[in-house]
Amino acid sequence: MPKVHVFARAHINTDEIIPARHLTSDVESELAKFAMEDYDKTFVSRVEKGDIIVAGPDFGCGSSREHAIWAIRGAGIAAVIAPNFARIYYRNSLNNGFLALECEGIVEAFRDGDEADLNLKAGTITNKRSGEVLTFVPVAQFALDVQKAGGWLEYMKGHSQAELEAESLEAVSTEGGHHA
């Protein structure tokens, strides 16, 4: 059962996710060593593969850097759930096949270390401690397909130009972040 790591503050930026001084590599396992270190120095030592970050609104604001996704995924994080995301972070997540899920009330529903049951098909996350179930913005099948492929580039390799041109993202964003 994945554990939740709560970063409740709003506007956690990409420099806090992976400090610029560590942008010397594009290897996830190298970047992972420094994930969230300026926010929580013990974070990486506590993460287990498949864990989830619960974050405040506008997660991933600041510089456009895919390293922010690579660092936390390399550390073992399977998804970030927040009320909304900075537009560029959300798009980088999608392009890299990483789950950025929008869910109102998520920060209030979890404590650091709680276990969670994430059900992508049902669009729910359940706090195993409290029993509270929250519904998140549905993940479009296209986004799940990109995730399964390992990112946009891998997804493109497996599809013809006509198939790619026919794809669309149907999910609607919540109040902030990446909506147009």
Protein backbone atom coordinates (compact mmCIF):
# COMPACT_ATOMS: atom_id res chain seq x y z
CA MET A 1 0.00 0.00 0.00
CA PRO A 2 1.56 3.33 -1.01
CA LYS A 3 2.30 5.94 1.62
CA VAL A 4 1.46 9.59 1.24
CA HIS A 5 4.01 12.37 1.65
CA VAL A 6 2.19 15.64 2.33
CA PHE A 7 3.62 18.96 1.13
CA ALA A 8 0.64 21.15 1.95
CA ARG A 9 2.04 24.57 1.09
CA ALA A 10 0.79 26.27 -2.07
CA HIS A 11 3.15 27.22 -4.92
CA ILE A 12 5.91 24.65 -4.40
CA ASN A 13 8.19 25.51 -7.29
CA THR A 14 10.47 23.44 -9.46
CA ASP A 15 13.56 24.79 -7.65
CA GLU A 16 12.20 23.24 -4.46
CA ILE A 17 11.39 19.97 -6.23
CA ILE A 18 14.92 19.74 -7.68
CA PRO A 19 17.29 22.61 -6.86
CA ALA A 20 19.01 24.19 -9.88
CA ARG A 21 22.44 23.37 -8.45
CA HIS A 22 21.70 19.68 -9.12
CA LEU A 23 20.67 20.03 -12.77
CA THR A 24 23.89 18.42 -13.94
CA SER A 25 22.28 15.20 -15.10
CA ASP A 26 19.17 13.91 -16.82
CA VAL A 27 19.45 10.50 -15.15
CA GLU A 28 16.49 9.96 -12.81
CA SER A 29 18.42 7.91 -10.26
CA GLU A 30 21.00 10.70 -9.94
CA LEU A 31 18.39 13.47 -9.69
CA ALA A 32 16.37 11.42 -7.18
CA LYS A 33 19.05 11.87 -4.52
CA PHE A 34 18.17 15.57 -4.34
CA ALA A 35 14.38 15.49 -4.75
CA MET A 36 12.65 17.96 -2.43
CA GLU A 37 15.87 18.45 -0.41
CA ASP A 38 15.37 22.19 0.11
CA TYR A 39 11.85 21.53 1.41
CA ASP A 40 12.48 18.32 3.39
CA LYS A 41 15.97 16.83 3.71
CA THR A 42 14.57 13.46 4.90
CA PHE A 43 12.13 13.02 2.01
CA VAL A 44 14.25 10.75 -0.20
CA SER A 45 15.15 8.45 2.71
CA ARG A 46 11.44 7.96 3.54
CA VAL A 47 10.10 7.27 0.04
CA GLU A 48 9.31 3.77 -1.12
CA LYS A 49 8.55 2.82 -4.71
CA GLY A 50 4.93 3.61 -5.52
CA ASP A 51 4.43 6.30 -2.87
CA ILE A 52 2.36 9.42 -3.57
CA ILE A 53 2.94 13.12 -3.00
CA VAL A 54 -0.06 15.13 -1.83
CA ALA A 55 0.59 18.80 -2.46
CA GLY A 56 -0.99 22.21 -2.14
CA PRO A 57 -2.29 24.17 -5.14
CA ASP A 58 -0.09 25.34 -8.02
CA PHE A 59 2.44 22.55 -7.51
CA GLY A 60 5.37 22.79 -9.92
CA CYS A 61 5.27 26.51 -10.60
CA GLY A 62 8.41 28.36 -11.61
CA SER A 63 10.93 27.20 -14.18
CA SER A 64 10.02 24.81 -16.93
CA ARG A 65 12.13 21.77 -16.16
CA GLU A 66 11.39 18.15 -16.78
CA HIS A 67 14.02 17.40 -14.15
CA ALA A 68 11.31 18.09 -11.54
CA ILE A 69 9.32 15.09 -12.78
CA TRP A 70 12.41 12.94 -13.26
CA ALA A 71 13.69 13.63 -9.74
CA ILE A 72 10.54 12.67 -7.86
CA ARG A 73 9.77 9.73 -10.15
CA GLY A 74 13.37 8.56 -9.74
CA ALA A 75 12.90 8.73 -5.98
CA GLY A 76 9.99 6.27 -6.30
CA ILE A 77 6.96 8.56 -6.39
CA ALA A 78 4.16 7.16 -8.60
CA ALA A 79 1.91 10.24 -8.64
CA VAL A 80 1.43 13.76 -7.35
CA ILE A 81 -2.08 14.76 -6.29
CA ALA A 82 -2.92 18.42 -5.76
CA PRO A 83 -5.92 20.72 -6.15
CA ASN A 84 -4.23 22.01 -9.34
CA PHE A 85 -0.83 22.32 -11.00
CA ALA A 86 1.24 24.91 -12.73
CA ARG A 87 0.45 24.53 -16.42
CA ILE A 88 4.02 23.70 -17.49
CA TYR A 89 4.47 21.10 -14.73
CA TYR A 90 1.19 19.43 -15.69
CA ARG A 91 2.19 19.27 -19.35
CA ASN A 92 5.68 18.01 -18.53
CA SER A 93 4.07 15.31 -16.39
CA LEU A 94 1.84 14.21 -19.24
CA ASN A 95 4.73 14.25 -21.73
CA ASN A 96 6.82 12.11 -19.39
CA GLY A 97 4.08 9.62 -18.60
CA PHE A 98 3.85 10.72 -14.97
CA LEU A 99 0.58 11.07 -13.06
CA ALA A 100 -0.39 14.59 -11.95
CA LEU A 101 -3.91 14.22 -10.56
CA GLU A 102 -6.18 17.12 -9.61
CA CYS A 103 -8.28 16.63 -6.49
CA GLU A 104 -10.02 19.24 -4.37
CA GLY A 105 -9.68 18.72 -0.61
CA ILE A 106 -6.71 16.36 -0.94
CA VAL A 107 -4.41 18.22 1.46
CA GLU A 108 -7.04 18.27 4.20
CA ALA A 109 -7.78 14.55 3.77
CA PHE A 110 -4.29 13.16 4.42
CA ARG A 111 -1.53 13.28 7.00
CA ASP A 112 2.09 12.55 6.22
CA GLY A 113 2.60 8.79 6.28
CA ASP A 114 -1.03 7.79 5.72
CA GLU A 115 -1.56 4.82 3.44
CA ALA A 116 -3.66 5.35 0.33
CA ASP A 117 -5.50 3.30 -2.22
CA LEU A 118 -5.33 5.00 -5.62
CA ASN A 119 -7.88 3.71 -8.12
CA LEU A 120 -7.32 5.25 -11.56
CA LYS A 121 -10.28 3.48 -13.16
CA ALA A 122 -12.72 4.68 -10.51
CA GLY A 123 -11.01 8.08 -10.21
CA THR A 124 -10.73 7.80 -6.45
CA ILE A 125 -8.15 7.92 -3.70
CA THR A 126 -8.97 6.41 -0.31
CA ASN A 127 -7.24 7.29 2.94
CA LYS A 128 -6.82 3.89 4.60
CA ARG A 129 -6.50 5.48 8.07
CA SER A 130 -9.69 7.55 7.98
CA GLY A 131 -11.67 5.73 5.29
CA GLU A 132 -12.27 9.03 3.48
CA VAL A 133 -12.70 8.66 -0.28
CA LEU A 134 -12.05 11.56 -2.63
CA THR A 135 -12.72 11.76 -6.34
CA PHE A 136 -10.14 13.33 -8.63
CA VAL A 137 -10.45 14.78 -12.12
CA PRO A 138 -10.64 11.74 -14.42
CA VAL A 139 -7.49 10.78 -16.25
CA ALA A 140 -8.10 10.72 -20.00
CA GLN A 141 -7.41 7.37 -21.65
CA PHE A 142 -4.87 9.13 -23.84
CA ALA A 143 -2.88 10.24 -20.77
CA LEU A 144 -3.01 6.69 -19.36
CA ASP A 145 -1.76 5.34 -22.70
CA VAL A 146 1.15 7.82 -22.67
CA GLN A 147 1.94 6.79 -19.09
CA LYS A 148 1.85 3.10 -19.99
CA ALA A 149 4.19 3.72 -22.93
CA GLY A 150 6.67 5.49 -20.68
CA GLY A 151 6.15 9.01 -21.98
CA TRP A 152 5.17 10.93 -25.09
CA LEU A 153 8.22 10.01 -27.18
CA GLU A 154 7.74 6.30 -26.55
CA TYR A 155 4.02 6.65 -27.21
CA MET A 156 4.68 8.37 -30.55
CA LYS A 157 7.02 5.58 -31.66
CA GLY A 158 4.15 3.11 -31.37
CA HIS A 159 1.57 5.11 -33.38
CA SER A 160 1.15 6.31 -36.93
CA GLN A 161 0.90 10.01 -37.79
CA ALA A 162 -2.85 9.65 -38.46
CA GLU A 163 -3.42 8.01 -35.07
CA LEU A 164 -1.49 10.77 -33.32
CA GLU A 165 -3.45 13.51 -35.09
CA ALA A 166 -6.74 11.90 -34.01
CA GLU A 167 -5.82 11.90 -30.28
CA SER A 168 -7.44 14.37 -27.88
CA LEU A 169 -7.37 15.11 -24.18
CA GLU A 170 -10.95 15.20 -22.87
CA ALA A 171 -10.30 15.74 -19.15
CA VAL A 172 -11.38 19.10 -17.76
CA SER A 173 -9.17 20.85 -15.25
CA THR A 174 -10.37 22.07 -11.91
CA GLU A 175 -10.22 25.74 -10.95
CA GLY A 176 -6.57 26.55 -11.55
CA GLY A 177 -3.39 25.38 -13.08
CA HIS A 178 -3.29 24.07 -16.59
CA HIS A 179 -6.74 24.81 -18.01
CA ALA A 180 -6.91 27.10 -21.01
